[in-house]
Amino acid sequence: MAVNLSTVQLHHIDLPRVVNNLLQRHRLAPRSLELEVTETSLMKDISTAAQHLLSLRRSGALIAIDDFGTGYSSLSYLKSLPLDKIKIDKSFVQDLIDDGDDATIVRAIIQLGKSLGMQVIAEGVETVEQEAYVIAEGCHEGQGYLYSKPLGARELVAYLKQARRNKAVIM
């Protein structure tokens, strides 16, 4: 389960305690929780953000940097923050087939993430051509309308049940 953290939430003094309490209360395995932060939210107070993310990661939660490449894109924080995943922003993925610069940026982000030991996710995958490109470049996962439109809670449950019956791989 992936949860986006807002800037306010990321920097709230009680964030690690609240997340740990929720994990315990709902008996969730910590590794089943992925917390997503944007580059912009990290930059408000990088020190506090780093402390909170480290505490959450020690608890077992996965940490992902969302919309990578659209914010500050300082490469120094990639090595100093406890990040497990990097999500390539859809603005680079949407035109990568026709735009050589976008294709180069996507390829570079995939290689960067893999070299740093992170899983790499391509956001905004809408066509089989985009999917084929990111897979060929070594991307670990894709996200976008090619797989599913955004779903409400009830729709998601039905979708997952159907996928289980069909033994589908859900990315």
N, C-alpha and C. Protein backbone atom coordinates (compact mmCIF):
# COMPACT_ATOMS: atom_id res chain seq x y z
N MET A 1 0.85 -1.16 0.00
CA MET A 1 0.00 0.00 0.00
C MET A 1 0.90 1.23 0.00
N ALA A 2 0.69 2.11 -0.95
CA ALA A 2 1.47 3.34 -1.05
C ALA A 2 0.65 4.52 -0.58
N VAL A 3 1.26 5.36 0.23
CA VAL A 3 0.60 6.54 0.79
C VAL A 3 1.48 7.76 0.52
N ASN A 4 0.87 8.77 -0.09
CA ASN A 4 1.59 10.03 -0.31
C ASN A 4 1.61 10.83 0.98
N LEU A 5 2.78 11.34 1.34
CA LEU A 5 2.90 12.22 2.50
C LEU A 5 2.97 13.66 2.01
N SER A 6 2.16 14.52 2.58
CA SER A 6 2.22 15.94 2.25
C SER A 6 3.43 16.56 2.95
N THR A 7 3.76 17.76 2.57
CA THR A 7 4.87 18.47 3.22
C THR A 7 4.60 18.63 4.70
N VAL A 8 3.38 19.00 5.06
CA VAL A 8 3.02 19.18 6.48
C VAL A 8 3.16 17.86 7.23
N GLN A 9 2.66 16.78 6.66
CA GLN A 9 2.76 15.48 7.33
C GLN A 9 4.20 15.04 7.50
N LEU A 10 5.00 15.20 6.44
CA LEU A 10 6.39 14.77 6.49
C LEU A 10 7.17 15.46 7.59
N HIS A 11 6.86 16.71 7.85
CA HIS A 11 7.62 17.49 8.83
C HIS A 11 6.95 17.55 10.20
N HIS A 12 5.82 16.86 10.36
CA HIS A 12 5.13 16.87 11.65
C HIS A 12 5.94 16.07 12.67
N ILE A 13 6.09 16.63 13.85
CA ILE A 13 6.94 16.03 14.88
C ILE A 13 6.52 14.61 15.25
N ASP A 14 5.23 14.30 15.17
CA ASP A 14 4.73 12.99 15.60
C ASP A 14 4.59 11.97 14.47
N LEU A 15 5.04 12.30 13.27
CA LEU A 15 4.83 11.40 12.13
C LEU A 15 5.31 9.97 12.39
N PRO A 16 6.55 9.76 12.81
CA PRO A 16 7.00 8.36 13.01
C PRO A 16 6.15 7.61 14.04
N ARG A 17 5.80 8.28 15.12
CA ARG A 17 5.00 7.63 16.17
C ARG A 17 3.61 7.28 15.64
N VAL A 18 2.99 8.21 14.94
CA VAL A 18 1.64 7.98 14.41
C VAL A 18 1.64 6.81 13.42
N VAL A 19 2.61 6.78 12.52
CA VAL A 19 2.68 5.70 11.53
C VAL A 19 2.89 4.36 12.23
N ASN A 20 3.79 4.31 13.19
CA ASN A 20 4.04 3.05 13.92
C ASN A 20 2.79 2.59 14.67
N ASN A 21 2.08 3.52 15.29
CA ASN A 21 0.84 3.17 15.99
C ASN A 21 -0.21 2.61 15.03
N LEU A 22 -0.34 3.22 13.86
CA LEU A 22 -1.30 2.74 12.87
C LEU A 22 -0.93 1.35 12.36
N LEU A 23 0.35 1.12 12.14
CA LEU A 23 0.79 -0.21 11.70
C LEU A 23 0.43 -1.27 12.73
N GLN A 24 0.68 -0.95 13.99
CA GLN A 24 0.38 -1.90 15.07
C GLN A 24 -1.12 -2.10 15.22
N ARG A 25 -1.87 -1.01 15.22
CA ARG A 25 -3.32 -1.09 15.44
C ARG A 25 -4.00 -1.93 14.35
N HIS A 26 -3.54 -1.79 13.12
CA HIS A 26 -4.17 -2.51 12.00
C HIS A 26 -3.43 -3.79 11.63
N ARG A 27 -2.44 -4.14 12.44
CA ARG A 27 -1.66 -5.37 12.25
C ARG A 27 -1.12 -5.51 10.84
N LEU A 28 -0.53 -4.43 10.35
CA LEU A 28 0.06 -4.44 9.02
C LEU A 28 1.55 -4.74 9.11
N ALA A 29 2.03 -5.54 8.20
CA ALA A 29 3.48 -5.75 8.11
C ALA A 29 4.11 -4.45 7.64
N PRO A 30 5.10 -3.94 8.34
CA PRO A 30 5.70 -2.65 7.96
C PRO A 30 6.15 -2.60 6.50
N ARG A 31 6.68 -3.70 5.97
CA ARG A 31 7.16 -3.71 4.58
C ARG A 31 6.01 -3.60 3.57
N SER A 32 4.77 -3.71 4.05
CA SER A 32 3.63 -3.57 3.14
C SER A 32 3.25 -2.10 2.96
N LEU A 33 3.91 -1.22 3.72
CA LEU A 33 3.62 0.21 3.64
C LEU A 33 4.74 0.94 2.91
N GLU A 34 4.36 1.66 1.86
CA GLU A 34 5.30 2.49 1.12
C GLU A 34 4.88 3.94 1.31
N LEU A 35 5.78 4.75 1.81
CA LEU A 35 5.50 6.17 2.01
C LEU A 35 6.18 6.95 0.90
N GLU A 36 5.39 7.76 0.19
CA GLU A 36 5.90 8.50 -0.96
C GLU A 36 6.03 9.98 -0.60
N VAL A 37 7.19 10.53 -0.93
CA VAL A 37 7.46 11.95 -0.70
C VAL A 37 7.95 12.57 -2.01
N THR A 38 7.69 13.85 -2.18
CA THR A 38 8.18 14.54 -3.37
C THR A 38 9.46 15.28 -3.03
N GLU A 39 10.21 15.60 -4.07
CA GLU A 39 11.44 16.37 -3.88
C GLU A 39 11.13 17.71 -3.20
N THR A 40 10.06 18.34 -3.62
CA THR A 40 9.69 19.64 -3.06
C THR A 40 9.41 19.55 -1.57
N SER A 41 8.70 18.49 -1.14
CA SER A 41 8.38 18.37 0.28
C SER A 41 9.64 18.11 1.11
N LEU A 42 10.61 17.45 0.55
CA LEU A 42 11.86 17.19 1.27
C LEU A 42 12.63 18.48 1.56
N MET A 43 12.56 19.42 0.64
CA MET A 43 13.41 20.60 0.71
C MET A 43 12.96 21.63 1.75
N LYS A 44 11.74 21.51 2.28
CA LYS A 44 11.29 22.47 3.28
C LYS A 44 12.23 22.47 4.48
N ASP A 45 12.57 21.29 4.95
CA ASP A 45 13.51 21.13 6.07
C ASP A 45 14.12 19.75 5.91
N ILE A 46 15.20 19.69 5.15
CA ILE A 46 15.80 18.41 4.78
C ILE A 46 16.24 17.61 6.00
N SER A 47 16.69 18.29 7.04
CA SER A 47 17.17 17.61 8.25
C SER A 47 16.03 16.87 8.95
N THR A 48 14.92 17.55 9.17
CA THR A 48 13.76 16.92 9.81
C THR A 48 13.22 15.79 8.93
N ALA A 49 13.12 16.05 7.63
CA ALA A 49 12.63 15.03 6.71
C ALA A 49 13.51 13.78 6.78
N ALA A 50 14.82 13.98 6.78
CA ALA A 50 15.75 12.84 6.83
C ALA A 50 15.58 12.05 8.12
N GLN A 51 15.44 12.75 9.24
CA GLN A 51 15.25 12.06 10.53
C GLN A 51 13.97 11.24 10.53
N HIS A 52 12.89 11.83 10.06
CA HIS A 52 11.60 11.12 10.04
C HIS A 52 11.65 9.91 9.10
N LEU A 53 12.23 10.11 7.93
CA LEU A 53 12.30 9.00 6.97
C LEU A 53 13.18 7.87 7.49
N LEU A 54 14.27 8.22 8.15
CA LEU A 54 15.14 7.19 8.72
C LEU A 54 14.41 6.41 9.81
N SER A 55 13.69 7.11 10.66
CA SER A 55 12.91 6.45 11.71
C SER A 55 11.85 5.53 11.11
N LEU A 56 11.16 5.99 10.09
CA LEU A 56 10.13 5.19 9.45
C LEU A 56 10.73 3.98 8.73
N ARG A 57 11.86 4.18 8.12
CA ARG A 57 12.52 3.06 7.43
C ARG A 57 13.01 2.02 8.43
N ARG A 58 13.52 2.48 9.57
CA ARG A 58 13.95 1.54 10.62
C ARG A 58 12.78 0.71 11.12
N SER A 59 11.59 1.29 11.05
CA SER A 59 10.38 0.56 11.45
C SER A 59 9.95 -0.46 10.40
N GLY A 60 10.55 -0.37 9.23
CA GLY A 60 10.26 -1.33 8.18
C GLY A 60 9.51 -0.78 6.98
N ALA A 61 9.03 0.46 7.06
CA ALA A 61 8.31 1.04 5.92
C ALA A 61 9.28 1.29 4.77
N LEU A 62 8.76 1.20 3.55
CA LEU A 62 9.54 1.53 2.37
C LEU A 62 9.35 3.02 2.08
N ILE A 63 10.41 3.66 1.59
CA ILE A 63 10.36 5.09 1.29
C ILE A 63 10.62 5.29 -0.20
N ALA A 64 9.71 6.03 -0.85
CA ALA A 64 9.84 6.30 -2.29
C ALA A 64 9.87 7.80 -2.53
N ILE A 65 10.71 8.20 -3.48
CA ILE A 65 10.71 9.60 -3.93
C ILE A 65 9.81 9.65 -5.17
N ASP A 66 8.74 10.44 -5.08
CA ASP A 66 7.71 10.49 -6.11
C ASP A 66 7.98 11.65 -7.06
N ASP A 67 7.51 11.52 -8.30
CA ASP A 67 7.61 12.58 -9.31
C ASP A 67 9.06 13.02 -9.53
N PHE A 68 9.98 12.06 -9.50
CA PHE A 68 11.40 12.43 -9.59
C PHE A 68 11.70 13.15 -10.90
N GLY A 69 12.47 14.20 -10.77
CA GLY A 69 12.90 14.98 -11.91
C GLY A 69 12.14 16.27 -12.10
N THR A 70 11.08 16.49 -11.33
CA THR A 70 10.27 17.69 -11.52
C THR A 70 10.49 18.73 -10.44
N GLY A 71 11.16 18.37 -9.37
CA GLY A 71 11.39 19.30 -8.27
C GLY A 71 12.80 19.84 -8.32
N TYR A 72 13.45 19.79 -7.19
CA TYR A 72 14.79 20.34 -7.09
C TYR A 72 15.84 19.45 -7.74
N SER A 73 15.60 18.16 -7.78
CA SER A 73 16.48 17.18 -8.41
C SER A 73 17.94 17.31 -7.99
N SER A 74 18.18 17.58 -6.74
CA SER A 74 19.54 17.59 -6.23
C SER A 74 19.96 16.14 -6.01
N LEU A 75 20.99 15.74 -6.69
CA LEU A 75 21.43 14.35 -6.59
C LEU A 75 22.05 14.04 -5.24
N SER A 76 22.48 15.07 -4.51
CA SER A 76 23.13 14.81 -3.22
C SER A 76 22.17 14.18 -2.22
N TYR A 77 20.88 14.53 -2.28
CA TYR A 77 19.96 13.95 -1.30
C TYR A 77 19.67 12.48 -1.61
N LEU A 78 19.88 12.05 -2.84
CA LEU A 78 19.62 10.65 -3.16
C LEU A 78 20.54 9.72 -2.38
N LYS A 79 21.76 10.18 -2.11
CA LYS A 79 22.66 9.31 -1.35
C LYS A 79 22.57 9.54 0.15
N SER A 80 22.00 10.67 0.57
CA SER A 80 21.96 10.96 2.00
C SER A 80 20.62 10.61 2.66
N LEU A 81 19.59 10.37 1.87
CA LEU A 81 18.28 10.03 2.42
C LEU A 81 18.03 8.53 2.32
N PRO A 82 17.27 7.98 3.25
CA PRO A 82 16.99 6.54 3.23
C PRO A 82 15.86 6.22 2.24
N LEU A 83 16.20 6.12 0.98
CA LEU A 83 15.21 5.89 -0.07
C LEU A 83 15.31 4.48 -0.61
N ASP A 84 14.16 3.85 -0.83
CA ASP A 84 14.10 2.50 -1.39
C ASP A 84 13.70 2.50 -2.85
N LYS A 85 12.90 3.51 -3.24
CA LYS A 85 12.34 3.54 -4.58
C LYS A 85 12.42 4.95 -5.16
N ILE A 86 12.52 5.00 -6.47
CA ILE A 86 12.50 6.27 -7.18
C ILE A 86 11.44 6.15 -8.27
N LYS A 87 10.52 7.10 -8.31
CA LYS A 87 9.42 7.06 -9.27
C LYS A 87 9.63 8.16 -10.31
N ILE A 88 9.84 7.74 -11.55
CA ILE A 88 10.09 8.67 -12.65
C ILE A 88 8.79 9.40 -12.97
N ASP A 89 8.83 10.72 -12.99
CA ASP A 89 7.63 11.50 -13.24
C ASP A 89 7.06 11.21 -14.63
N LYS A 90 5.75 11.20 -14.70
CA LYS A 90 5.06 10.88 -15.96
C LYS A 90 5.37 11.87 -17.07
N SER A 91 5.78 13.09 -16.73
CA SER A 91 6.08 14.08 -17.77
C SER A 91 7.24 13.63 -18.66
N PHE A 92 8.11 12.77 -18.15
CA PHE A 92 9.21 12.23 -18.96
C PHE A 92 8.77 10.97 -19.71
N VAL A 93 7.86 10.22 -19.13
CA VAL A 93 7.44 8.95 -19.72
C VAL A 93 6.47 9.17 -20.88
N GLN A 94 5.60 10.17 -20.78
CA GLN A 94 4.51 10.32 -21.75
C GLN A 94 5.00 10.52 -23.19
N ASP A 95 6.15 11.17 -23.39
CA ASP A 95 6.62 11.44 -24.75
C ASP A 95 7.92 10.72 -25.09
N LEU A 96 8.32 9.75 -24.27
CA LEU A 96 9.65 9.15 -24.48
C LEU A 96 9.81 8.43 -25.82
N ILE A 97 8.72 7.98 -26.41
CA ILE A 97 8.81 7.30 -27.71
C ILE A 97 9.15 8.28 -28.82
N ASP A 98 8.61 9.49 -28.76
CA ASP A 98 8.81 10.48 -29.82
C ASP A 98 9.84 11.55 -29.48
N ASP A 99 10.25 11.64 -28.24
CA ASP A 99 11.16 12.70 -27.80
C ASP A 99 12.45 12.07 -27.27
N GLY A 100 13.51 12.20 -28.05
CA GLY A 100 14.79 11.61 -27.67
C GLY A 100 15.32 12.11 -26.35
N ASP A 101 15.06 13.37 -26.04
CA ASP A 101 15.53 13.92 -24.76
C ASP A 101 14.82 13.23 -23.59
N ASP A 102 13.50 13.05 -23.69
CA ASP A 102 12.77 12.36 -22.63
C ASP A 102 13.26 10.92 -22.49
N ALA A 103 13.51 10.26 -23.61
CA ALA A 103 14.01 8.88 -23.55
C ALA A 103 15.36 8.83 -22.85
N THR A 104 16.22 9.79 -23.14
CA THR A 104 17.54 9.84 -22.50
C THR A 104 17.41 10.09 -21.00
N ILE A 105 16.51 10.99 -20.62
CA ILE A 105 16.30 11.28 -19.20
C ILE A 105 15.77 10.05 -18.47
N VAL A 106 14.79 9.37 -19.06
CA VAL A 106 14.23 8.17 -18.44
C VAL A 106 15.32 7.11 -18.28
N ARG A 107 16.10 6.88 -19.33
CA ARG A 107 17.18 5.90 -19.26
C ARG A 107 18.17 6.26 -18.16
N ALA A 108 18.52 7.53 -18.05
CA ALA A 108 19.49 7.98 -17.04
C ALA A 108 18.94 7.79 -15.63
N ILE A 109 17.67 8.12 -15.42
CA ILE A 109 17.07 7.95 -14.08
C ILE A 109 17.02 6.47 -13.71
N ILE A 110 16.68 5.62 -14.66
CA ILE A 110 16.65 4.18 -14.38
C ILE A 110 18.04 3.70 -13.96
N GLN A 111 19.05 4.09 -14.70
CA GLN A 111 20.41 3.66 -14.37
C GLN A 111 20.87 4.24 -13.04
N LEU A 112 20.53 5.49 -12.78
CA LEU A 112 20.89 6.13 -11.51
C LEU A 112 20.26 5.38 -10.35
N GLY A 113 18.96 5.14 -10.43
CA GLY A 113 18.26 4.43 -9.36
C GLY A 113 18.82 3.05 -9.13
N LYS A 114 19.03 2.30 -10.20
CA LYS A 114 19.57 0.95 -10.07
C LYS A 114 20.97 0.97 -9.47
N SER A 115 21.79 1.93 -9.89
CA SER A 115 23.16 2.03 -9.36
C SER A 115 23.17 2.33 -7.87
N LEU A 116 22.14 3.02 -7.39
CA LEU A 116 22.04 3.35 -5.97
C LEU A 116 21.27 2.29 -5.19
N GLY A 117 20.94 1.19 -5.85
CA GLY A 117 20.25 0.08 -5.17
C GLY A 117 18.77 0.32 -4.93
N MET A 118 18.17 1.21 -5.71
CA MET A 118 16.75 1.51 -5.55
C MET A 118 15.93 0.78 -6.61
N GLN A 119 14.69 0.50 -6.26
CA GLN A 119 13.74 0.04 -7.27
C GLN A 119 13.30 1.27 -8.05
N VAL A 120 13.08 1.10 -9.35
CA VAL A 120 12.68 2.22 -10.20
C VAL A 120 11.30 1.94 -10.77
N ILE A 121 10.41 2.93 -10.64
CA ILE A 121 9.04 2.82 -11.12
C ILE A 121 8.80 3.94 -12.14
N ALA A 122 8.25 3.59 -13.29
CA ALA A 122 7.89 4.58 -14.30
C ALA A 122 6.42 4.94 -14.11
N GLU A 123 6.15 6.21 -13.86
CA GLU A 123 4.77 6.69 -13.72
C GLU A 123 4.22 7.11 -15.08
N GLY A 124 2.92 7.00 -15.23
CA GLY A 124 2.27 7.50 -16.44
C GLY A 124 2.43 6.60 -17.65
N VAL A 125 2.62 5.30 -17.44
CA VAL A 125 2.73 4.36 -18.56
C VAL A 125 1.33 4.16 -19.13
N GLU A 126 1.15 4.56 -20.40
CA GLU A 126 -0.17 4.49 -21.02
C GLU A 126 -0.20 3.62 -22.27
N THR A 127 0.96 3.30 -22.83
CA THR A 127 0.98 2.51 -24.06
C THR A 127 1.93 1.32 -23.91
N VAL A 128 1.71 0.31 -24.74
CA VAL A 128 2.60 -0.86 -24.71
C VAL A 128 4.00 -0.48 -25.17
N GLU A 129 4.12 0.54 -26.02
CA GLU A 129 5.44 0.99 -26.47
C GLU A 129 6.22 1.61 -25.31
N GLN A 130 5.55 2.42 -24.51
CA GLN A 130 6.21 3.00 -23.33
C GLN A 130 6.63 1.89 -22.37
N GLU A 131 5.72 0.94 -22.16
CA GLU A 131 6.03 -0.18 -21.26
C GLU A 131 7.24 -0.96 -21.77
N ALA A 132 7.26 -1.26 -23.06
CA ALA A 132 8.38 -2.01 -23.63
C ALA A 132 9.69 -1.26 -23.46
N TYR A 133 9.66 0.06 -23.64
CA TYR A 133 10.88 0.85 -23.50
C TYR A 133 11.41 0.80 -22.07
N VAL A 134 10.55 1.07 -21.09
CA VAL A 134 11.04 1.12 -19.71
C VAL A 134 11.47 -0.26 -19.23
N ILE A 135 10.80 -1.32 -19.69
CA ILE A 135 11.23 -2.67 -19.34
C ILE A 135 12.60 -2.96 -19.95
N ALA A 136 12.77 -2.61 -21.22
CA ALA A 136 14.05 -2.86 -21.90
C ALA A 136 15.19 -2.12 -21.22
N GLU A 137 14.89 -0.96 -20.64
CA GLU A 137 15.93 -0.18 -19.96
C GLU A 137 16.19 -0.65 -18.54
N GLY A 138 15.37 -1.59 -18.05
CA GLY A 138 15.61 -2.16 -16.72
C GLY A 138 14.75 -1.61 -15.61
N CYS A 139 13.67 -0.93 -15.96
CA CYS A 139 12.76 -0.41 -14.94
C CYS A 139 12.07 -1.58 -14.24
N HIS A 140 11.90 -1.48 -12.93
CA HIS A 140 11.34 -2.57 -12.15
C HIS A 140 9.81 -2.65 -12.22
N GLU A 141 9.14 -1.50 -12.28
CA GLU A 141 7.68 -1.48 -12.24
C GLU A 141 7.16 -0.34 -13.11
N GLY A 142 5.90 -0.46 -13.50
CA GLY A 142 5.22 0.61 -14.20
C GLY A 142 3.92 0.94 -13.50
N GLN A 143 3.48 2.15 -13.70
CA GLN A 143 2.23 2.62 -13.09
C GLN A 143 1.56 3.52 -14.11
N GLY A 144 0.27 3.34 -14.33
CA GLY A 144 -0.42 4.21 -15.26
C GLY A 144 -1.66 3.57 -15.85
N TYR A 145 -2.29 4.29 -16.75
CA TYR A 145 -3.56 3.87 -17.35
C TYR A 145 -3.44 2.60 -18.17
N LEU A 146 -2.24 2.23 -18.61
CA LEU A 146 -2.10 0.96 -19.31
C LEU A 146 -2.55 -0.19 -18.43
N TYR A 147 -2.33 -0.06 -17.14
CA TYR A 147 -2.65 -1.12 -16.18
C TYR A 147 -4.04 -0.92 -15.56
N SER A 148 -4.37 0.31 -15.22
CA SER A 148 -5.67 0.59 -14.62
C SER A 148 -5.85 2.09 -14.46
N LYS A 149 -7.09 2.52 -14.56
CA LYS A 149 -7.41 3.90 -14.19
C LYS A 149 -7.41 3.98 -12.66
N PRO A 150 -7.37 5.17 -12.08
CA PRO A 150 -7.49 5.27 -10.61
C PRO A 150 -8.81 4.64 -10.16
N LEU A 151 -8.75 3.90 -9.07
CA LEU A 151 -9.93 3.19 -8.57
C LEU A 151 -10.27 3.61 -7.16
N GLY A 152 -11.58 3.64 -6.87
CA GLY A 152 -12.04 3.83 -5.50
C GLY A 152 -11.85 2.53 -4.74
N ALA A 153 -12.09 2.57 -3.44
CA ALA A 153 -11.85 1.41 -2.58
C ALA A 153 -12.62 0.18 -3.04
N ARG A 154 -13.91 0.33 -3.31
CA ARG A 154 -14.72 -0.82 -3.74
C ARG A 154 -14.26 -1.36 -5.09
N GLU A 155 -13.98 -0.44 -6.00
CA GLU A 155 -13.51 -0.86 -7.32
C GLU A 155 -12.18 -1.60 -7.21
N LEU A 156 -11.31 -1.12 -6.32
CA LEU A 156 -10.01 -1.76 -6.14
C LEU A 156 -10.16 -3.19 -5.64
N VAL A 157 -11.03 -3.39 -4.68
CA VAL A 157 -11.25 -4.75 -4.15
C VAL A 157 -11.72 -5.67 -5.27
N ALA A 158 -12.67 -5.22 -6.07
CA ALA A 158 -13.18 -6.03 -7.18
C ALA A 158 -12.06 -6.30 -8.20
N TYR A 159 -11.26 -5.30 -8.48
CA TYR A 159 -10.15 -5.43 -9.43
C TYR A 159 -9.14 -6.47 -8.94
N LEU A 160 -8.79 -6.41 -7.67
CA LEU A 160 -7.82 -7.35 -7.10
C LEU A 160 -8.37 -8.78 -7.08
N LYS A 161 -9.65 -8.92 -6.78
CA LYS A 161 -10.26 -10.25 -6.80
C LYS A 161 -10.23 -10.84 -8.20
N GLN A 162 -10.57 -10.01 -9.18
CA GLN A 162 -10.55 -10.48 -10.58
C GLN A 162 -9.12 -10.82 -11.00
N ALA A 163 -8.17 -10.01 -10.62
CA ALA A 163 -6.77 -10.27 -10.96
C ALA A 163 -6.30 -11.58 -10.33
N ARG A 164 -6.72 -11.83 -9.10
CA ARG A 164 -6.35 -13.08 -8.43
C ARG A 164 -6.93 -14.28 -9.18
N ARG A 165 -8.19 -14.16 -9.59
CA ARG A 165 -8.83 -15.26 -10.34
C ARG A 165 -8.10 -15.51 -11.66
N ASN A 166 -7.65 -14.43 -12.28
CA ASN A 166 -6.95 -14.55 -13.56
C ASN A 166 -5.46 -14.80 -13.39
N LYS A 167 -5.01 -14.82 -12.13
CA LYS A 167 -3.58 -14.98 -11.82
C LYS A 167 -2.75 -13.93 -12.54
N ALA A 168 -3.25 -12.70 -12.56
CA ALA A 168 -2.56 -11.60 -13.23
C ALA A 168 -1.44 -11.06 -12.34
N VAL A 169 -0.46 -10.50 -12.99
CA VAL A 169 0.60 -9.81 -12.28
C VAL A 169 0.20 -8.35 -12.20
N ILE A 170 0.13 -7.83 -10.99
CA ILE A 170 -0.27 -6.44 -10.80
C ILE A 170 0.97 -5.64 -10.48
N MET A 171 1.21 -4.62 -11.29
CA MET A 171 2.38 -3.77 -11.07
C MET A 171 1.95 -2.50 -10.40
